[in-house]
Protein backbone atom coordinates (compact mmCIF):
# COMPACT_ATOMS: atom_id res chain seq x y z
CA ILE A 1 0.00 0.00 0.00
CA VAL A 2 1.32 3.46 -0.91
CA PHE A 3 0.15 6.56 0.97
CA PHE A 4 0.30 10.04 -0.58
CA GLU A 5 0.03 13.33 1.29
CA ASP A 6 -1.84 15.05 -1.55
CA ARG A 7 -4.79 14.16 -3.74
CA ASP A 8 -4.33 12.36 -7.05
CA PHE A 9 -1.20 10.51 -5.88
CA LYS A 10 0.92 13.63 -5.52
CA GLY A 11 3.18 14.96 -2.82
CA LYS A 12 5.27 13.01 -0.36
CA SER A 13 4.58 9.27 -0.39
CA TYR A 14 5.26 6.27 1.80
CA ASP A 15 5.32 2.66 0.57
CA CYS A 16 4.12 0.52 3.48
CA LYS A 17 4.74 -3.24 3.38
CA GLY A 18 2.88 -4.35 6.52
CA ASP A 19 1.18 -3.33 9.73
CA SER A 20 2.19 0.09 11.03
CA ALA A 21 1.04 1.47 14.40
CA ASN A 22 2.33 4.98 13.63
CA LEU A 23 2.45 6.42 10.11
CA HIS A 24 2.97 9.99 11.30
CA GLY A 25 6.75 9.64 11.05
CA TYR A 26 6.40 8.97 7.31
CA ILE A 27 3.48 11.19 6.25
CA ARG A 28 1.71 14.12 7.95
CA ARG A 29 -1.62 13.60 6.21
CA CYS A 30 -3.14 11.20 3.70
CA ASN A 31 -5.20 12.34 0.75
CA SER A 32 -4.74 9.43 -1.68
CA VAL A 33 -3.78 5.76 -1.57
CA LYS A 34 -2.77 3.00 -3.99
CA VAL A 35 -3.40 -0.53 -2.79
CA GLU A 36 -1.22 -2.83 -4.82
CA GLY A 37 -2.29 -6.03 -3.09
CA GLY A 38 -4.41 -7.39 -0.28
CA TRP A 39 -7.08 -5.84 1.88
CA TRP A 40 -6.16 -3.22 4.45
CA VAL A 41 -7.68 -1.35 7.38
CA LEU A 42 -6.74 2.31 7.69
CA TYR A 43 -7.16 3.90 11.12
CA GLU A 44 -7.68 7.55 11.94
CA ARG A 45 -5.40 7.36 15.00
CA ASN A 46 -2.15 5.72 16.05
CA ASN A 47 -2.09 2.19 17.45
CA PHE A 48 -5.00 0.95 15.32
CA THR A 49 -7.67 3.16 16.93
CA GLY A 50 -10.23 5.68 15.73
CA TYR A 51 -12.37 5.46 12.62
CA GLN A 52 -11.66 2.43 10.45
CA TYR A 53 -11.64 2.28 6.67
CA VAL A 54 -11.46 -1.09 4.93
CA ILE A 55 -10.01 -0.89 1.42
CA GLY A 56 -8.96 -3.40 -1.21
CA PRO A 57 -6.80 -3.39 -4.34
CA GLY A 58 -7.20 -0.23 -6.38
CA GLU A 59 -6.52 3.48 -6.52
CA TYR A 60 -8.18 5.99 -4.20
CA ASN A 61 -7.46 9.51 -5.46
CA ASN A 62 -8.89 11.32 -2.40
CA TYR A 63 -10.02 10.38 1.09
CA SER A 64 -13.71 10.53 0.21
CA SER A 65 -13.16 7.66 -2.26
CA TRP A 66 -12.54 5.31 0.70
CA MET A 67 -15.40 6.98 2.66
CA GLY A 68 -12.93 8.91 4.81
CA PHE A 69 -14.09 11.85 6.90
CA ASN A 70 -10.76 13.70 6.73
CA ASP A 71 -7.10 13.32 5.72
CA CYS A 72 -6.03 11.63 8.99
CA VAL A 73 -4.61 8.15 8.54
CA ARG A 74 -2.25 7.40 11.41
CA SER A 75 -2.00 3.59 11.38
CA CYS A 76 -2.81 0.64 9.14
CA ARG A 77 -2.79 -3.12 9.06
CA ILE A 78 -3.29 -5.81 6.49
CA ILE A 79 -6.29 -8.10 6.83
CA ARG A 80 -5.14 -11.67 7.11
CA ASN A 81 -7.27 -14.38 5.53
CA PRO A 82 -9.93 -12.14 3.95
CA LYS A 83 -11.36 -15.05 1.93
CA GLY A 84 -14.20 -17.33 3.04
CA PRO A 85 -15.90 -19.39 4.16
CA TYR A 86 -17.93 -16.91 6.17
CA LYS A 87 -20.16 -17.43 9.20
CA LEU A 88 -21.42 -14.83 11.67
CA MET A 89 -23.96 -14.94 14.51
CA LEU A 90 -25.73 -11.72 15.49
CA TYR A 91 -27.49 -11.31 18.85
CA GLU A 92 -30.12 -8.83 19.95
CA ARG A 93 -28.70 -8.47 23.47
CA LEU A 94 -25.32 -8.26 25.19
CA ASN A 95 -23.34 -11.42 25.88
CA PHE A 96 -25.01 -13.52 23.15
CA ILE A 97 -28.49 -13.49 24.70
CA GLY A 98 -31.86 -13.23 22.96
CA GLN A 99 -32.81 -13.69 19.33
CA SER A 100 -30.00 -14.49 16.96
CA LEU A 101 -29.40 -14.48 13.23
CA GLU A 102 -26.81 -16.55 11.37
CA LEU A 103 -25.19 -15.00 8.29
CA THR A 104 -23.02 -16.58 5.63
CA GLU A 105 -23.11 -13.72 3.11
CA SER A 106 -23.27 -9.92 2.90
CA ILE A 107 -26.50 -8.05 3.55
CA LYS A 108 -27.23 -4.53 2.29
CA SER A 109 -29.79 -3.81 5.01
CA VAL A 110 -29.69 -5.43 8.44
CA GLN A 111 -33.12 -4.05 9.26
CA ASP A 112 -34.71 -5.69 6.18
CA LYS A 113 -33.32 -9.09 7.15
CA TRP A 114 -33.64 -8.89 10.95
CA LEU A 115 -36.30 -6.22 11.62
CA ARG A 116 -33.88 -4.29 13.83
CA GLN A 117 -30.79 -2.18 13.32
CA GLU A 118 -29.05 -2.86 16.59
CA VAL A 119 -26.58 -5.68 17.09
CA GLN A 120 -25.64 -5.86 20.76
CA SER A 121 -23.20 -8.78 20.47
CA CYS A 122 -21.91 -11.21 17.86
CA LYS A 123 -19.67 -14.19 17.21
CA VAL A 124 -17.48 -14.38 14.12
CA LEU A 125 -17.23 -18.11 13.54
CA GLU A 126 -15.52 -18.01 10.14
CA GLY A 127 -14.03 -15.37 7.88
CA THR A 128 -13.54 -11.64 8.30
CA TRP A 129 -16.52 -9.26 8.32
CA VAL A 130 -17.10 -5.51 8.13
CA PHE A 131 -20.02 -3.83 9.89
CA PHE A 132 -21.23 -0.57 8.33
CA GLU A 133 -23.14 2.04 10.29
CA HIS A 134 -25.72 2.57 7.51
CA PRO A 135 -27.44 0.41 4.86
CA ASN A 136 -25.82 -0.09 1.44
CA PHE A 137 -22.31 -0.42 2.90
CA SER A 138 -21.93 3.22 3.95
CA GLY A 139 -21.00 5.14 7.07
CA ARG A 140 -18.50 4.16 9.74
CA GLN A 141 -16.84 0.79 9.28
CA TYR A 142 -15.79 -1.81 11.82
CA LEU A 143 -13.59 -4.80 11.05
CA LEU A 144 -14.47 -8.02 12.86
CA GLU A 145 -12.19 -11.03 12.76
CA LYS A 146 -12.78 -14.49 14.20
CA GLY A 147 -13.80 -14.28 17.84
CA GLU A 148 -16.50 -13.23 20.28
CA TYR A 149 -17.71 -9.66 20.72
CA HIS A 150 -19.77 -9.32 23.92
CA HIS A 151 -20.56 -5.62 23.34
CA CYS A 152 -20.34 -3.17 20.43
CA SER A 153 -17.42 -1.38 22.10
CA GLU A 154 -15.34 -4.52 21.53
CA TRP A 155 -15.49 -3.92 17.75
CA GLY A 156 -14.83 -0.20 18.25
CA ALA A 157 -18.35 1.22 18.03
CA LEU A 158 -19.96 3.68 20.44
CA LYS A 159 -23.47 2.55 19.45
CA ALA A 160 -24.81 -0.87 18.51
CA VAL A 161 -26.29 0.39 15.22
CA VAL A 162 -25.38 -1.80 12.24
CA GLY A 163 -26.92 -0.90 8.88
CA SER A 164 -25.20 -3.40 6.58
CA ILE A 165 -22.64 -6.18 6.75
CA ARG A 166 -20.04 -7.40 4.25
């Protein structure tokens, strides 16, 4: 992945080969990115915190093209094993209690499939998933890898609202 300080792949650049907890020593801001291979998570803050942006191979000529809110990208990591199979269990309440829904593929609208927009807890049984704040894969993004998430804060969200899942 190559980060550029200016739009349209101009200005100072940094060619990153793997996970980096602090990009600030290489670039001050990030306005465009070229992903030459793999899937990556960009983080707004150091140490893999803040808003998350999941991007795959391609060219992103400005931060809005990866749904960024601003030019702050301070850390990044590669997603390991992004390929299936996929299996995810959603729960209506904390700690895996209440009604549940099993998913094996993306859904554009959680509410259409589950009649609710809140996911209080979940278990990623197989694959890597991305929760989006709004339907149609838009809004804030949260990467979830194999494991148990007892509360939305464990995947980095302040609220349990999930609009779509990929």
